[in-house]
Amino acid sequence: MTVNTAELVQRFSKVFPDASPTLLVRAPGRVNLIGEHVDYADGFVLPIAMSQALYVVVAPTNDGTLVVHTTAGDQAIRFPAADPGPPDVVKWGNYVRGTVEMLRREGITCKGGRLFIHSEVPLGGGVSSSAALEVGTAKAILALTGRTMDPVKTALLARQAEHQYAQSPCGIMDQFICALGKEGHALLLDCRSRAIEHLPMALGDTVLMVMNTQVKHEVGASQYPVRQKQIAEGLAVLKAAKPALASLRDVTPEQLEAGRAKMDPVVYRRCRHIVSEIQRTAHAGEVLRANDAPAFGRLMIASHVSLRDDYEVSCEELDALVDLATGIPGVYGARMTGAGFGGCAIALVAREAEERLQAAIRQRYDSRFKNPAIVYTTTASNGAAVHPL
């Protein structure tokens, strides 16, 4: 853990002076190396659990009430442990309420407690702060009740909380990597079968750099459902010729080309991204097994081009960071990561080129845009876990 545990406990005690913390939960954020916007099309994704994480300091109480405070805001939430109630006006609190409610529906009697949450995972940065909050909460509540849960079941429960309480129709990637991450490994996840394979991150003397634009364009929220509708329209055209198709996962590039004339051009491009990105991600797994950093970098670049041109979920800031990074000697590849329209880009960088990229961003990106990029390195870490204090 990179967090100062003693400092967190001190901060907990200032907020909850009458409670005695007994455990700490660590739940990592995630970076998706490749495989964007394909989890809802039965595709493959290849994320890592970040070294940056969300932490929950937990104290049991006998009053049957859960009180949750976060360092990201001044407003605490409070509700009966046995009945978290419906979604509330405090948006971040709904991820907590929803997770407790999903546990309750599993027959788990939640007990009272005090939760103090601190996160190193950037909010709204495309590195899944929400999944970290959900899985971290689930781990904390289970620990309070003396229960454990299979990590796959925990991930699915956390996703259900996001669907029902945050009204976010996310796929399974974020919660799966948060619950199932392994230090030094990426997770190749088949979003159809839920089969997983931990692949060693052994790409030579490289570092993975995260470049946070600090922007989130509002257009994104309205455009994600549009993208899903468009790929459904494309699949319907293809199914007319081949009814057995279950999703774009089953479509070859040749089949997509054969149906192109019957599709709206925009719908075709959306489907082309999905079909090609699924293939790229499967190939990336092979490249990772071969420890081939240059080949992996080329796949990252191709992924970004597809997201930018065919799926159109990038933005000026993300494109600028990717273009800048890929022009620096020693950078193997770069791409946007996450849902898009802002958030983060990532770069696979030879260690000796790290300072060059940092300097170039300061000189050529930060002077161009209102918000300077926040740049940091991350490594593949373990998934969420409970640590006694």
Protein backbone atom coordinates (compact mmCIF):
# COMPACT_ATOMS: atom_id res chain seq x y z
CA MET A 1 0.00 0.00 0.00
CA THR A 2 1.25 3.48 -0.83
CA VAL A 3 -1.03 5.32 1.58
CA ASN A 4 0.11 6.48 5.03
CA THR A 5 -2.10 4.27 7.19
CA ALA A 6 -1.36 6.07 10.45
CA GLU A 7 -2.34 9.40 8.90
CA LEU A 8 -5.60 7.97 7.60
CA VAL A 9 -6.45 6.58 11.03
CA GLN A 10 -5.75 9.99 12.58
CA ARG A 11 -8.07 11.66 10.07
CA PHE A 12 -10.72 9.03 10.79
CA SER A 13 -10.48 9.76 14.52
CA LYS A 14 -11.06 13.48 13.97
CA VAL A 15 -14.26 12.77 12.06
CA PHE A 16 -15.43 9.87 14.26
CA PRO A 17 -13.87 10.47 17.71
CA ASP A 18 -16.13 7.91 19.39
CA ALA A 19 -15.32 4.99 17.07
CA SER A 20 -12.31 2.69 16.98
CA PRO A 21 -11.22 1.56 13.51
CA THR A 22 -10.30 -2.10 13.14
CA LEU A 23 -9.54 -2.56 9.45
CA LEU A 24 -8.55 -0.87 6.22
CA VAL A 25 -9.80 -1.79 2.75
CA ARG A 26 -7.76 -1.02 -0.36
CA ALA A 27 -9.62 -0.99 -3.71
CA PRO A 28 -7.60 -0.03 -6.81
CA GLY A 29 -8.57 2.09 -9.77
CA ARG A 30 -8.01 0.66 -13.20
CA VAL A 31 -6.34 1.48 -16.46
CA ASN A 32 -7.60 -0.29 -19.55
CA LEU A 33 -4.58 -0.98 -21.75
CA ILE A 34 -6.71 -1.75 -24.81
CA GLY A 35 -10.25 -2.90 -25.61
CA GLU A 36 -12.39 0.23 -25.32
CA HIS A 37 -16.17 0.32 -25.68
CA VAL A 38 -16.32 -3.39 -26.47
CA ASP A 39 -17.38 -4.78 -23.08
CA TYR A 40 -21.04 -4.20 -23.97
CA ALA A 41 -20.47 -5.98 -27.29
CA ASP A 42 -19.19 -9.25 -25.75
CA GLY A 43 -15.59 -8.31 -26.59
CA PHE A 44 -12.22 -8.70 -24.88
CA VAL A 45 -10.68 -6.11 -22.57
CA LEU A 46 -7.18 -5.91 -21.11
CA PRO A 47 -7.03 -3.74 -17.98
CA ILE A 48 -4.69 -3.56 -15.00
CA ALA A 49 -5.52 -2.72 -11.41
CA MET A 50 -3.63 0.51 -10.72
CA SER A 51 -1.17 1.11 -7.93
CA GLN A 52 -3.34 4.17 -7.14
CA ALA A 53 -6.30 3.12 -5.00
CA LEU A 54 -9.25 4.06 -2.84
CA TYR A 55 -9.03 3.33 0.89
CA VAL A 56 -11.78 2.72 3.43
CA VAL A 57 -11.04 2.90 7.16
CA VAL A 58 -13.72 0.90 8.97
CA ALA A 59 -14.97 0.83 12.56
CA PRO A 60 -17.83 -1.37 13.82
CA THR A 61 -20.61 0.12 15.94
CA ASN A 62 -23.64 -1.27 17.75
CA ASP A 63 -26.16 1.38 16.72
CA GLY A 64 -27.33 -0.24 13.47
CA THR A 65 -26.40 2.86 11.49
CA LEU A 66 -23.86 3.32 8.74
CA VAL A 67 -22.20 6.73 8.59
CA VAL A 68 -19.86 7.36 5.67
CA HIS A 69 -17.49 10.30 5.24
CA THR A 70 -15.23 10.98 2.25
CA THR A 71 -12.25 13.29 2.01
CA ALA A 72 -13.51 14.29 -1.46
CA GLY A 73 -16.39 16.26 0.07
CA ASP A 74 -17.75 17.68 3.31
CA GLN A 75 -21.15 16.00 3.18
CA ALA A 76 -21.38 12.67 5.03
CA ILE A 77 -24.18 10.20 4.43
CA ARG A 78 -26.08 8.30 7.12
CA PHE A 79 -28.63 5.52 6.80
CA PRO A 80 -29.84 2.37 8.60
CA ALA A 81 -27.50 -0.52 7.83
CA ALA A 82 -30.47 -2.84 7.35
CA ASP A 83 -32.21 -0.50 4.89
CA PRO A 84 -30.09 1.90 2.80
CA GLY A 85 -33.16 3.24 1.05
CA PRO A 86 -33.49 4.53 -2.53
CA PRO A 87 -30.95 6.70 -4.38
CA ASP A 88 -30.36 10.05 -2.70
CA VAL A 89 -29.35 13.55 -3.77
CA VAL A 90 -25.75 12.97 -2.67
CA LYS A 91 -24.50 11.33 -5.85
CA TRP A 92 -21.30 9.74 -4.55
CA GLY A 93 -23.30 8.26 -1.69
CA ASN A 94 -25.48 6.33 -4.10
CA TYR A 95 -22.58 4.07 -5.01
CA VAL A 96 -22.32 3.20 -1.31
CA ARG A 97 -26.08 2.88 -0.75
CA GLY A 98 -26.47 0.77 -3.86
CA THR A 99 -23.71 -1.61 -2.83
CA VAL A 100 -25.21 -2.07 0.65
CA GLU A 101 -28.63 -2.67 -0.90
CA MET A 102 -27.26 -5.32 -3.26
CA LEU A 103 -25.63 -7.08 -0.29
CA ARG A 104 -28.92 -6.92 1.58
CA ARG A 105 -30.68 -8.56 -1.37
CA GLU A 106 -28.12 -11.37 -1.13
CA GLY A 107 -29.41 -12.06 2.37
CA ILE A 108 -26.50 -10.42 4.17
CA THR A 109 -27.55 -8.58 7.32
CA CYS A 110 -25.43 -5.44 7.29
CA LYS A 111 -24.25 -4.11 10.64
CA GLY A 112 -23.63 -0.59 11.86
CA GLY A 113 -20.31 1.06 11.33
CA ARG A 114 -18.32 4.14 10.47
CA LEU A 115 -16.57 4.34 7.09
CA PHE A 116 -13.92 6.92 6.22
CA ILE A 117 -13.06 7.00 2.51
CA HIS A 118 -9.96 8.49 0.93
CA SER A 119 -9.09 8.04 -2.73
CA GLU A 120 -5.97 8.50 -4.81
CA VAL A 121 -8.01 7.53 -7.89
CA PRO A 122 -8.92 10.68 -9.85
CA LEU A 123 -12.67 11.29 -9.92
CA GLY A 124 -14.10 11.39 -13.43
CA GLY A 125 -10.69 10.62 -14.94
CA GLY A 126 -11.62 7.48 -16.81
CA VAL A 127 -9.80 5.22 -14.33
CA SER A 128 -12.89 3.85 -12.62
CA SER A 129 -13.13 5.62 -9.29
CA SER A 130 -16.76 4.42 -9.10
CA ALA A 131 -15.89 0.71 -9.26
CA ALA A 132 -13.22 1.23 -6.59
CA LEU A 133 -15.84 2.86 -4.36
CA GLU A 134 -18.35 0.05 -4.93
CA VAL A 135 -15.94 -2.84 -4.46
CA GLY A 136 -14.24 -1.10 -1.53
CA THR A 137 -17.61 -0.57 0.14
CA ALA A 138 -18.61 -4.20 -0.46
CA LYS A 139 -15.38 -5.43 1.11
CA ALA A 140 -15.84 -3.12 4.10
CA ILE A 141 -19.44 -4.12 4.75
CA LEU A 142 -18.66 -7.82 4.39
CA ALA A 143 -15.79 -7.44 6.85
CA LEU A 144 -18.11 -5.73 9.34
CA THR A 145 -20.43 -8.74 9.18
CA GLY A 146 -17.61 -11.28 9.35
CA ARG A 147 -18.43 -12.55 5.87
CA THR A 148 -16.43 -13.07 2.69
CA MET A 149 -17.59 -13.32 -0.90
CA ASP A 150 -16.18 -14.77 -4.10
CA PRO A 151 -14.49 -11.89 -5.99
CA VAL A 152 -16.45 -12.56 -9.20
CA LYS A 153 -19.72 -12.39 -7.26
CA THR A 154 -18.51 -9.21 -5.55
CA ALA A 155 -17.74 -7.65 -8.93
CA LEU A 156 -21.15 -8.54 -10.37
CA LEU A 157 -22.90 -7.22 -7.26
CA ALA A 158 -20.97 -3.94 -7.49
CA ARG A 159 -21.89 -3.57 -11.16
CA GLN A 160 -25.56 -4.10 -10.28
CA ALA A 161 -25.27 -1.31 -7.71
CA GLU A 162 -23.95 1.04 -10.40
CA HIS A 163 -26.73 0.08 -12.79
CA GLN A 164 -29.55 0.55 -10.30
CA TYR A 165 -28.33 3.35 -8.04
CA ALA A 166 -26.12 5.43 -10.35
CA GLN A 167 -28.14 4.68 -13.51
CA SER A 168 -24.90 3.92 -15.35
CA PRO A 169 -25.22 0.95 -17.76
CA CYS A 170 -21.55 -0.05 -17.43
CA GLY A 171 -20.05 -3.34 -18.56
CA ILE A 172 -18.23 -5.76 -16.29
CA MET A 173 -14.62 -4.68 -16.81
CA ASP A 174 -14.21 -2.06 -14.09
CA GLN A 175 -15.56 -4.10 -11.21
CA PHE A 176 -13.82 -7.29 -12.40
CA ILE A 177 -10.34 -5.78 -12.48
CA CYS A 178 -10.88 -4.01 -9.16
CA ALA A 179 -11.83 -7.30 -7.52
CA LEU A 180 -9.53 -9.67 -9.45
CA GLY A 181 -6.37 -7.69 -10.21
CA LYS A 182 -2.98 -9.35 -9.71
CA GLU A 183 0.28 -7.58 -9.03
CA GLY A 184 2.50 -7.41 -12.09
CA HIS A 185 -0.23 -8.71 -14.40
CA ALA A 186 -2.88 -7.48 -16.79
CA LEU A 187 -6.27 -9.20 -16.88
CA LEU A 188 -7.49 -10.50 -20.23
CA LEU A 189 -11.25 -10.69 -19.72
CA ASP A 190 -13.72 -12.26 -22.10
CA CYS A 191 -16.81 -10.15 -21.50
CA ARG A 192 -19.07 -12.86 -22.94
CA SER A 193 -17.93 -15.95 -21.05
CA ARG A 194 -16.33 -14.00 -18.15
CA ALA A 195 -13.26 -16.19 -18.57
CA ILE A 196 -10.12 -14.49 -17.27
CA GLU A 197 -6.40 -14.89 -17.81
CA HIS A 198 -3.72 -13.04 -15.86
CA LEU A 199 -0.92 -12.08 -18.25
CA PRO A 200 2.48 -10.90 -16.91
CA MET A 201 3.27 -7.26 -17.63
CA ALA A 202 6.84 -7.89 -18.79
CA LEU A 203 7.36 -5.34 -21.56
CA GLY A 204 11.02 -4.71 -20.92
CA ASP A 205 12.23 -1.63 -19.08
CA THR A 206 9.05 0.35 -19.62
CA VAL A 207 6.67 2.41 -17.52
CA LEU A 208 2.98 3.07 -18.00
CA MET A 209 2.21 6.78 -17.79
CA VAL A 210 -1.26 8.15 -17.15
CA MET A 211 -1.98 11.62 -18.57
CA ASN A 212 -5.10 13.15 -17.06
CA THR A 213 -6.58 16.01 -19.12
CA GLN A 214 -8.63 17.20 -16.12
CA VAL A 215 -11.54 17.82 -18.48
CA LYS A 216 -14.82 16.02 -18.97
CA HIS A 217 -16.92 17.25 -21.87
CA GLU A 218 -20.62 17.15 -21.05
CA VAL A 219 -21.49 15.76 -24.48
CA GLY A 220 -20.20 12.38 -23.34
CA ALA A 221 -23.11 11.48 -21.08
CA SER A 222 -25.62 11.86 -23.90
CA GLN A 223 -23.46 10.18 -26.54
CA TYR A 224 -22.77 6.82 -24.86
CA PRO A 225 -26.36 5.54 -25.24
CA VAL A 226 -26.30 6.79 -28.84
CA ARG A 227 -23.22 4.65 -29.55
CA GLN A 228 -24.88 1.58 -28.09
CA LYS A 229 -27.99 2.20 -30.19
CA GLN A 230 -25.87 2.60 -33.32
CA ILE A 231 -24.04 -0.69 -32.90
CA ALA A 232 -27.38 -2.39 -32.24
CA GLU A 233 -28.63 -0.95 -35.55
CA GLY A 234 -25.56 -2.28 -37.33
CA LEU A 235 -25.95 -5.72 -35.79
CA ALA A 236 -29.59 -5.82 -36.90
CA VAL A 237 -28.51 -5.23 -40.51
CA LEU A 238 -25.97 -8.04 -40.30
CA LYS A 239 -28.40 -10.41 -38.60
CA ALA A 240 -30.76 -10.06 -41.55
CA ALA A 241 -28.17 -11.91 -43.61
CA LYS A 242 -26.93 -14.17 -40.82
CA PRO A 243 -29.57 -14.61 -38.05
CA ALA A 244 -27.27 -16.68 -35.84
CA LEU A 245 -25.13 -13.63 -34.99
CA ALA A 246 -25.45 -12.87 -31.28
CA SER A 247 -23.31 -9.74 -31.14
CA LEU A 248 -20.60 -7.88 -33.03
CA ARG A 249 -18.14 -10.23 -31.27
CA ASP A 250 -19.24 -12.83 -33.86
CA VAL A 251 -18.73 -10.57 -36.88
CA THR A 252 -15.63 -10.79 -39.06
CA PRO A 253 -14.26 -7.76 -40.91
CA GLU A 254 -15.33 -9.43 -44.16
CA GLN A 255 -18.91 -9.85 -42.96
CA LEU A 256 -19.00 -6.23 -41.85
CA GLU A 257 -17.79 -5.08 -45.27
CA ALA A 258 -20.43 -7.24 -46.94
CA GLY A 259 -23.15 -5.42 -45.00
CA ARG A 260 -21.68 -1.94 -45.40
CA ALA A 261 -23.90 -0.87 -48.32
CA LYS A 262 -27.02 -1.46 -46.23
CA MET A 263 -25.80 0.59 -43.26
CA ASP A 264 -25.81 4.26 -42.52
CA PRO A 265 -22.16 5.37 -42.92
CA VAL A 266 -21.93 6.46 -39.28
CA VAL A 267 -23.38 3.17 -38.07
CA TYR A 268 -20.83 1.32 -40.22
CA ARG A 269 -17.94 3.25 -38.66
CA ARG A 270 -19.21 2.56 -35.16
CA CYS A 271 -19.39 -1.16 -35.93
CA ARG A 272 -15.96 -1.10 -37.57
CA HIS A 273 -14.46 0.18 -34.36
CA ILE A 274 -16.07 -2.59 -32.32
CA VAL A 275 -15.05 -5.38 -34.71
CA SER A 276 -11.49 -4.13 -35.13
CA GLU A 277 -11.00 -3.33 -31.44
CA ILE A 278 -12.04 -6.83 -30.40
CA GLN A 279 -9.46 -8.24 -32.82
CA ARG A 280 -6.79 -5.79 -31.60
CA THR A 281 -7.36 -6.77 -27.99
CA ALA A 282 -7.12 -10.49 -28.69
CA HIS A 283 -3.89 -9.77 -30.58
CA ALA A 284 -2.64 -7.62 -27.70
CA GLY A 285 -2.95 -10.62 -25.40
CA GLU A 286 -0.67 -12.59 -27.72
CA VAL A 287 1.79 -9.68 -27.90
CA LEU A 288 1.84 -9.39 -24.11
CA ARG A 289 2.62 -13.09 -23.80
CA ALA A 290 5.54 -12.50 -26.18
CA ASN A 291 6.77 -9.46 -24.15
CA ASP A 292 6.82 -7.34 -27.34
CA ALA A 293 6.64 -3.68 -26.31
CA PRO A 294 6.92 -2.17 -29.83
CA ALA A 295 4.06 -4.34 -31.14
CA PHE A 296 1.92 -3.53 -28.11
CA GLY A 297 2.56 0.18 -28.68
CA ARG A 298 1.44 -0.07 -32.30
CA LEU A 299 -1.82 -1.68 -31.20
CA MET A 300 -2.39 1.15 -28.70
CA ILE A 301 -1.97 3.75 -31.45
CA ALA A 302 -4.32 1.89 -33.80
CA SER A 303 -6.88 1.68 -30.99
CA HIS A 304 -6.77 5.43 -30.43
CA VAL A 305 -7.15 6.18 -34.14
CA SER A 306 -10.23 3.94 -34.24
CA LEU A 307 -11.72 5.55 -31.12
CA ARG A 308 -11.02 9.00 -32.56
CA ASP A 309 -12.20 8.50 -36.13
CA ASP A 310 -14.68 5.61 -36.15
CA TYR A 311 -16.23 5.73 -32.68
CA GLU A 312 -15.70 9.47 -32.20
CA VAL A 313 -15.35 9.44 -28.43
CA SER A 314 -12.04 11.26 -28.17
CA CYS A 315 -11.61 15.03 -27.85
CA GLU A 316 -9.07 17.73 -28.67
CA GLU A 317 -7.20 17.38 -25.38
CA LEU A 318 -6.88 13.59 -25.59
CA ASP A 319 -5.77 13.75 -29.22
CA ALA A 320 -3.18 16.38 -28.36
CA LEU A 321 -1.68 14.23 -25.60
CA VAL A 322 -1.58 11.12 -27.78
CA ASP A 323 -0.05 12.99 -30.73
CA LEU A 324 2.53 14.61 -28.49
CA ALA A 325 3.45 11.37 -26.74
CA THR A 326 3.81 9.30 -29.90
CA GLY A 327 6.19 11.91 -31.31
CA ILE A 328 8.65 11.46 -28.44
CA PRO A 329 11.53 8.99 -29.04
CA GLY A 330 11.19 6.08 -26.65
CA VAL A 331 7.38 6.17 -26.47
CA TYR A 332 6.08 2.91 -27.90
CA GLY A 333 2.42 3.89 -28.05
CA ALA A 334 -0.36 5.95 -26.53
CA ARG A 335 -4.16 6.01 -26.52
CA MET A 336 -7.14 7.40 -24.70
CA THR A 337 -8.42 5.11 -21.96
CA GLY A 338 -11.88 4.99 -20.47
CA ALA A 339 -15.17 6.15 -21.90
CA GLY A 340 -13.74 9.25 -23.58
CA PHE A 341 -14.74 12.90 -24.18
CA GLY A 342 -12.06 13.80 -21.65
CA GLY A 343 -10.43 11.92 -18.81
CA CYS A 344 -7.12 10.16 -19.33
CA ALA A 345 -4.75 9.00 -22.01
CA ILE A 346 -2.00 6.47 -21.34
CA ALA A 347 1.45 5.94 -22.84
CA LEU A 348 3.80 2.96 -22.84
CA VAL A 349 7.22 4.53 -22.40
CA ALA A 350 10.81 3.30 -22.22
CA ARG A 351 12.00 4.27 -18.76
CA GLU A 352 14.77 6.45 -20.18
CA ALA A 353 12.15 8.51 -22.07
CA GLU A 354 9.91 9.26 -19.10
CA GLU A 355 11.45 12.65 -18.33
CA ARG A 356 11.37 13.66 -22.00
CA LEU A 357 7.66 13.01 -22.17
CA GLN A 358 7.00 14.83 -18.89
CA ALA A 359 8.92 17.87 -20.13
CA ALA A 360 7.19 17.88 -23.51
CA ILE A 361 3.76 17.84 -21.87
CA ARG A 362 4.69 20.76 -19.64
CA GLN A 363 6.07 22.78 -22.53
CA ARG A 364 3.69 21.94 -25.37
CA TYR A 365 0.43 20.79 -23.79
CA ASP A 366 0.07 22.76 -20.56
CA SER A 367 0.73 26.05 -22.37
CA ARG A 368 -1.99 25.28 -24.92
CA PHE A 369 -4.92 24.21 -22.75
CA LYS A 370 -6.70 25.76 -19.78
CA ASN A 371 -6.18 22.73 -17.53
CA PRO A 372 -2.62 21.38 -17.25
CA ALA A 373 -2.30 17.62 -17.58
CA ILE A 374 -1.69 15.65 -14.41
CA VAL A 375 0.91 13.04 -15.33
CA TYR A 376 1.92 10.07 -13.20
CA THR A 377 3.13 6.49 -13.56
CA THR A 378 1.21 3.45 -12.46
CA THR A 379 1.91 -0.25 -12.14
CA ALA A 380 -0.26 -3.37 -12.10
CA SER A 381 -1.35 -4.08 -8.54
CA ASN A 382 -3.47 -6.54 -6.63
CA GLY A 383 -7.24 -6.28 -6.49
CA ALA A 384 -9.28 -5.12 -3.51
CA ALA A 385 -8.33 -6.56 -0.12
CA VAL A 386 -9.00 -6.12 3.59
CA HIS A 387 -6.10 -5.32 5.92
CA PRO A 388 -6.43 -5.42 9.75
CA LEU A 389 -5.28 -2.36 11.65
